[in-house]
Amino acid sequence: MSAPYLEAFLEMLLTERGAAENTLAAYRRDLTDFTDFIARRGTTLNTAGPADIQAYLKFLDDLGLKATTQARRLSALRQLFAYLLAEDIRRDDPSLNIDSPRAGRRLPKYLSEEEVDRLLTAAIGETAEEKRLHALLQLLYATGLRVSELVTLPFPALRDQDRFLMVRGKGNKERLVPVNRTSKQALEDYLAMRDGFCPEGQHSKWLFPSRGGQGHLTRQRLGQLLKDLAIRSGIDPAKVSPHVLRHAFASHLLANGADLRSLQKMLGHADISTTQIYTHVLQKRLMEIVSTHHPLA
C-alpha cells in the first residue's frame, strides 16, 4: 500500500507547494528507497514505526552515506509522515522523536576573483558557441543564479531598458535580480546569434535554446562547458561548476561590502540562516579592518 500514498504526497508537493521537477525526482528517489527498505522488513508506510526509521538510518550509515545525505532523507520522511497524519492515513508520526544525523557545516567552495577573471577572459570569442558561453558565465557570476534558474530563463529575459532579470526560483517564487552593464552587453552579443541554437525553423521560448529534448541548454551540458573552459584557463576543472560560481558571486559581494539581507534576496534564500554560511568571508574582512584601523594594531 506504500506506492499510492507516496504518489499522493508527491502530487501534493507539486500542486500545493509548486515543487520543481528536480525536487520531485529527488523526493521520489529518496522515499522509494525507504519504502523498499521497510518492505524487506515486512512493513509499509501505514505500519512503519520509529524502529524502522532508525534501522533505515543505520542502513544508510553502513553504506557510507554522509550525515548530510542521511539528514536530507530523514527530512523527506518527516514531511511524508506529517502528510499521512494530516490526511488521517496514520494516527501517529513515527519520525517525530528521531534525532537528525549531525554533521559539521562545510564552508562553500568558491573561486578567487583572479580565477574568475581568468575564466571570463578565456570565454571571450567570436563564434556563436563562444558568445553563448561568455553570456552564461557573465550571468552566473554577476547574478548568482542557480544553474536550473539560468538554463530555464525565458526569452526575452531583459527588455531594452531593463537592468533586472525576473527569475522564477524554488517553490515557483519570483524575484528580481540586477544585471550589470558588462553582463548585459555579453547577453546582447549572444542574442545576435541566438537563432542558430533554436530548433530548425522554430522559435523558442527559452533564452538559451537547444535542439535537445528539453528544448533548452541542460545543466549537465553547461557543467561540461565550464569544465572545458577551466582547463583552457589553467584552473583545476574539479574546482569549477555552476554552483561554485554562485558561491563566488556571494563570497565576493560580501568581501566587497555587501550586506547579508541584500545577498539573501539576490540568492533567493527563503531564510537568512542559509545565507549566513558566507559569514566566513565577513569574519576575514572584519579581522583585516581591525588590524588596519584599530589604534592598538
Protein backbone atom coordinates (compact mmCIF):
# COMPACT_ATOMS: atom_id res chain seq x y z
CA MET A 1 0.00 0.00 0.00
CA SER A 2 3.00 2.35 0.10
CA ALA A 3 3.01 3.39 -3.57
CA PRO A 4 -0.41 5.14 -3.71
CA TYR A 5 0.36 7.17 -0.58
CA LEU A 6 3.75 8.17 -1.93
CA GLU A 7 2.23 9.29 -5.24
CA ALA A 8 -0.43 11.30 -3.40
CA PHE A 9 2.28 13.02 -1.33
CA LEU A 10 4.30 13.89 -4.44
CA GLU A 11 1.19 15.28 -6.12
CA MET A 12 0.62 17.49 -3.07
CA LEU A 13 4.19 18.81 -3.33
CA LEU A 14 3.56 19.68 -6.97
CA THR A 15 0.13 21.26 -6.70
CA GLU A 16 0.27 22.95 -3.29
CA ARG A 17 3.94 23.83 -2.90
CA GLY A 18 4.93 24.25 -6.54
CA ALA A 19 7.86 21.84 -6.20
CA ALA A 20 10.19 21.79 -9.21
CA GLU A 21 10.68 18.72 -11.37
CA ASN A 22 14.16 18.08 -9.99
CA THR A 23 12.85 18.39 -6.42
CA LEU A 24 10.07 15.88 -7.08
CA ALA A 25 12.53 13.46 -8.66
CA ALA A 26 14.78 13.68 -5.57
CA TYR A 27 11.85 13.09 -3.19
CA ARG A 28 10.66 10.14 -5.25
CA ARG A 29 14.11 8.58 -5.30
CA ASP A 30 14.74 9.00 -1.56
CA LEU A 31 11.29 7.93 -0.41
CA THR A 32 11.15 4.94 -2.74
CA ASP A 33 14.44 3.80 -1.26
CA PHE A 34 12.82 3.92 2.20
CA THR A 35 9.64 2.10 1.16
CA ASP A 36 11.73 -0.62 -0.50
CA PHE A 37 13.75 -0.93 2.72
CA ILE A 38 10.72 -1.29 5.02
CA ALA A 39 9.10 -3.70 2.55
CA ARG A 40 12.06 -6.01 3.09
CA ARG A 41 11.31 -5.73 6.81
CA GLY A 42 7.70 -6.73 6.17
CA THR A 43 6.05 -3.38 6.82
CA THR A 44 4.53 -0.42 4.95
CA LEU A 45 4.02 3.32 5.35
CA ASN A 46 0.82 2.54 7.30
CA THR A 47 2.56 0.41 9.88
CA ALA A 48 6.22 1.53 9.98
CA GLY A 49 7.42 2.62 13.41
CA PRO A 50 10.37 4.56 14.87
CA ALA A 51 12.45 1.36 14.93
CA ASP A 52 12.05 1.04 11.15
CA ILE A 53 13.27 4.61 10.60
CA GLN A 54 16.22 4.13 12.96
CA ALA A 55 17.11 0.89 11.18
CA TYR A 56 16.96 2.73 7.84
CA LEU A 57 19.30 5.47 9.06
CA LYS A 58 21.73 2.82 10.33
CA PHE A 59 21.50 1.13 6.93
CA LEU A 60 22.42 4.42 5.22
CA ASP A 61 25.29 4.94 7.64
CA ASP A 62 26.60 1.42 6.98
CA LEU A 63 26.54 2.23 3.27
CA GLY A 64 28.87 5.15 3.99
CA LEU A 65 26.42 7.92 3.11
CA LYS A 66 27.29 11.32 4.54
CA ALA A 67 25.42 12.69 7.52
CA THR A 68 24.05 15.47 5.32
CA THR A 69 22.53 12.89 2.96
CA GLN A 70 21.04 10.97 5.86
CA ALA A 71 19.58 14.18 7.30
CA ARG A 72 18.07 15.10 3.93
CA ARG A 73 16.36 11.73 3.67
CA LEU A 74 15.06 11.96 7.24
CA SER A 75 13.67 15.41 6.42
CA ALA A 76 11.80 13.91 3.45
CA LEU A 77 10.43 11.15 5.70
CA ARG A 78 9.23 13.70 8.26
CA GLN A 79 7.34 15.59 5.59
CA LEU A 80 5.81 12.37 4.27
CA PHE A 81 4.65 11.14 7.67
CA ALA A 82 3.32 14.60 8.58
CA TYR A 83 1.25 14.44 5.39
CA LEU A 84 -0.04 10.92 6.21
CA LEU A 85 -1.01 12.12 9.68
CA ALA A 86 -2.81 15.21 8.34
CA GLU A 87 -4.73 13.06 5.84
CA ASP A 88 -5.82 10.61 8.60
CA ILE A 89 -3.95 7.79 6.89
CA ARG A 90 -1.95 7.33 10.08
CA ARG A 91 -2.77 8.16 13.69
CA ASP A 92 0.82 8.89 14.68
CA ASP A 93 4.08 10.23 13.28
CA PRO A 94 6.92 7.69 13.81
CA SER A 95 9.56 10.22 12.75
CA LEU A 96 8.65 12.75 15.43
CA ASN A 97 11.30 11.83 18.01
CA ILE A 98 14.05 10.62 15.67
CA ASP A 99 17.24 12.68 16.05
CA SER A 100 18.69 14.07 12.86
CA PRO A 101 22.23 12.87 11.98
CA ARG A 102 24.72 15.57 12.93
CA ALA A 103 27.34 16.91 10.60
CA GLY A 104 29.73 19.80 10.67
CA ARG A 105 28.67 22.58 8.34
CA ARG A 106 31.03 22.76 5.42
CA LEU A 107 32.10 26.08 4.04
CA PRO A 108 31.13 26.53 0.40
CA LYS A 109 33.84 26.16 -2.22
CA TYR A 110 34.43 29.26 -4.29
CA LEU A 111 36.94 30.66 -6.74
CA SER A 112 39.15 33.68 -6.15
CA GLU A 113 38.44 36.89 -8.03
CA GLU A 114 41.59 36.31 -10.07
CA GLU A 115 40.42 32.81 -11.09
CA VAL A 116 37.00 34.08 -12.13
CA ASP A 117 38.69 36.79 -14.19
CA ARG A 118 40.75 34.13 -15.97
CA LEU A 119 37.58 32.19 -16.79
CA LEU A 120 35.83 35.30 -18.11
CA THR A 121 38.83 36.22 -20.25
CA ALA A 122 39.13 32.71 -21.68
CA ALA A 123 35.41 32.66 -22.56
CA ILE A 124 35.67 35.66 -24.90
CA GLY A 125 35.42 34.68 -28.56
CA GLU A 126 33.68 35.35 -31.87
CA THR A 127 31.82 32.11 -32.61
CA ALA A 128 28.19 31.58 -31.59
CA GLU A 129 29.23 28.93 -29.04
CA GLU A 130 31.80 31.30 -27.52
CA LYS A 131 29.30 34.17 -27.37
CA ARG A 132 26.80 31.90 -25.63
CA LEU A 133 29.32 30.60 -23.09
CA HIS A 134 30.54 34.11 -22.33
CA ALA A 135 26.95 35.26 -21.70
CA LEU A 136 26.25 32.25 -19.50
CA LEU A 137 29.39 32.79 -17.45
CA GLN A 138 28.78 36.52 -17.09
CA LEU A 139 25.21 35.92 -15.88
CA LEU A 140 26.24 33.16 -13.46
CA TYR A 141 28.88 35.31 -11.81
CA ALA A 142 27.01 38.62 -11.99
CA THR A 143 23.66 37.35 -10.64
CA GLY A 144 24.37 34.23 -8.55
CA LEU A 145 21.54 32.33 -10.23
CA ARG A 146 21.07 28.64 -9.57
CA VAL A 147 22.01 26.66 -12.66
CA SER A 148 18.41 25.43 -13.05
CA GLU A 149 17.22 29.05 -12.97
CA LEU A 150 19.78 30.13 -15.56
CA VAL A 151 19.12 27.46 -18.19
CA THR A 152 15.32 27.93 -17.92
CA LEU A 153 15.30 31.72 -18.25
CA PRO A 154 12.51 32.72 -20.66
CA PHE A 155 13.02 34.71 -23.83
CA PRO A 156 13.17 37.65 -23.71
CA ALA A 157 14.75 37.81 -20.28
CA LEU A 158 15.50 41.54 -20.44
CA ARG A 159 13.74 44.37 -22.21
CA ASP A 160 15.82 47.10 -23.82
CA GLN A 161 15.81 49.45 -20.87
CA ASP A 162 15.63 46.83 -18.11
CA ARG A 163 18.51 46.24 -15.75
CA PHE A 164 16.85 43.31 -13.96
CA LEU A 165 16.14 39.66 -14.63
CA MET A 166 12.81 38.25 -13.49
CA VAL A 167 13.79 34.86 -12.08
CA ARG A 168 11.45 32.03 -11.14
CA GLY A 169 13.16 30.11 -8.34
CA LYS A 170 12.40 27.40 -5.81
CA GLY A 171 8.75 26.98 -4.88
CA ASN A 172 7.84 28.86 -8.09
CA LYS A 173 8.68 32.13 -6.34
CA GLU A 174 9.73 35.10 -8.46
CA ARG A 175 12.45 37.60 -7.64
CA LEU A 176 14.21 40.47 -9.38
CA VAL A 177 17.98 40.19 -9.81
CA PRO A 178 20.04 43.17 -11.07
CA VAL A 179 22.26 42.73 -14.12
CA ASN A 180 25.37 44.87 -14.61
CA ARG A 181 26.35 46.54 -17.88
CA THR A 182 29.09 44.04 -18.72
CA SER A 183 26.75 41.08 -18.40
CA LYS A 184 24.02 42.89 -20.33
CA GLN A 185 26.48 43.55 -23.17
CA ALA A 186 27.59 39.89 -23.21
CA LEU A 187 23.91 38.90 -23.37
CA GLU A 188 23.24 41.28 -26.25
CA ASP A 189 26.25 39.90 -28.17
CA TYR A 190 24.87 36.38 -27.70
CA LEU A 191 21.32 37.35 -28.69
CA ALA A 192 22.60 38.42 -32.11
CA MET A 193 23.48 34.75 -32.70
CA ARG A 194 20.78 33.06 -30.59
CA ASP A 195 18.62 31.90 -33.52
CA GLY A 196 21.36 29.47 -34.54
CA PHE A 197 20.67 27.42 -31.40
CA CYS A 198 16.91 27.18 -31.96
CA PRO A 199 15.35 24.04 -33.48
CA GLU A 200 15.38 24.46 -37.25
CA GLY A 201 12.55 26.65 -38.46
CA GLN A 202 11.12 27.14 -34.97
CA HIS A 203 11.02 29.83 -32.36
CA SER A 204 11.93 29.00 -28.77
CA LYS A 205 10.52 30.34 -25.51
CA TRP A 206 13.90 29.82 -23.80
CA LEU A 207 16.72 32.35 -23.57
CA PHE A 208 19.25 29.54 -24.12
CA PRO A 209 17.51 27.18 -26.57
CA SER A 210 18.79 23.80 -27.66
CA ARG A 211 17.83 21.19 -30.22
CA GLY A 212 17.76 18.57 -27.45
CA GLY A 213 14.68 17.02 -25.92
CA GLN A 214 14.24 19.63 -23.18
CA GLY A 215 14.32 22.48 -25.65
CA HIS A 216 16.88 24.43 -23.65
CA LEU A 217 20.52 24.05 -22.64
CA THR A 218 20.79 21.42 -19.90
CA ARG A 219 22.53 21.75 -16.55
CA GLN A 220 24.79 18.85 -17.47
CA ARG A 221 25.89 20.45 -20.74
CA LEU A 222 26.64 23.76 -19.04
CA GLY A 223 28.69 21.96 -16.39
CA GLN A 224 30.69 20.24 -19.12
CA LEU A 225 31.32 23.54 -20.94
CA LEU A 226 32.62 25.11 -17.73
CA LYS A 227 34.96 22.17 -17.07
CA ASP A 228 36.41 22.57 -20.59
CA LEU A 229 36.77 26.31 -20.02
CA ALA A 230 38.59 25.71 -16.73
CA ILE A 231 41.14 23.51 -18.49
CA ARG A 232 41.76 26.24 -21.08
CA SER A 233 42.16 28.74 -18.24
CA GLY A 234 44.74 26.63 -16.41
CA ILE A 235 42.38 26.02 -13.47
CA ASP A 236 41.68 22.61 -11.95
CA PRO A 237 38.33 21.60 -13.54
CA ALA A 238 37.32 19.93 -10.25
CA LYS A 239 37.12 23.45 -8.76
CA VAL A 240 34.73 24.81 -11.38
CA SER A 241 30.97 24.26 -11.63
CA PRO A 242 27.87 26.45 -11.95
CA HIS A 243 27.25 26.13 -8.21
CA VAL A 244 30.82 27.17 -7.37
CA LEU A 245 30.29 30.33 -9.43
CA ARG A 246 27.13 31.04 -7.41
CA HIS A 247 29.26 30.74 -4.27
CA ALA A 248 31.88 33.03 -5.81
CA PHE A 249 29.18 35.64 -6.54
CA ALA A 250 28.05 35.60 -2.90
CA SER A 251 31.51 35.49 -1.32
CA HIS A 252 32.97 38.24 -3.49
CA LEU A 253 29.98 40.52 -2.90
CA LEU A 254 30.32 40.18 0.86
CA ALA A 255 34.08 40.67 0.71
CA ASN A 256 33.48 43.96 -1.09
CA GLY A 257 30.93 45.37 1.34
CA ALA A 258 27.51 43.87 0.52
CA ASP A 259 25.13 43.09 3.39
CA LEU A 260 23.55 39.73 4.16
CA ARG A 261 19.93 40.85 3.67
CA SER A 262 20.55 42.11 0.15
CA LEU A 263 22.51 38.95 -0.66
CA GLN A 264 19.68 36.79 0.69
CA LYS A 265 17.22 38.45 -1.72
CA MET A 266 19.51 38.07 -4.73
CA LEU A 267 20.27 34.41 -3.99
CA GLY A 268 16.60 33.61 -3.43
CA HIS A 269 17.11 32.12 0.04
CA ALA A 270 13.87 31.77 1.99
CA ASP A 271 15.71 32.04 5.31
CA ILE A 272 18.72 34.22 6.09
CA SER A 273 20.25 31.35 8.09
CA THR A 274 21.06 29.75 4.72
CA THR A 275 22.86 32.91 3.60
CA GLN A 276 24.86 33.08 6.83
CA ILE A 277 27.13 30.26 5.66
CA TYR A 278 29.01 33.02 3.81
CA THR A 279 29.87 34.90 7.00
CA HIS A 280 33.32 33.29 6.97
CA VAL A 281 34.11 35.96 4.38
CA LEU A 282 32.80 38.71 6.67
CA GLN A 283 34.91 37.41 9.56
CA LYS A 284 38.05 37.65 7.46
CA ARG A 285 37.17 41.19 6.36
CA LEU A 286 36.43 42.32 9.92
CA MET A 287 39.79 41.00 11.08
CA GLU A 288 41.51 42.96 8.31
CA ILE A 289 39.61 46.13 9.30
CA VAL A 290 40.60 45.78 12.97
CA SER A 291 44.23 45.01 12.18
CA THR A 292 44.42 48.01 9.82
CA HIS A 293 42.41 50.69 11.59
CA HIS A 294 42.44 49.93 15.33
CA PRO A 295 44.73 52.28 17.34
CA LEU A 296 46.45 49.33 19.02
CA ALA A 297 47.01 47.41 15.77
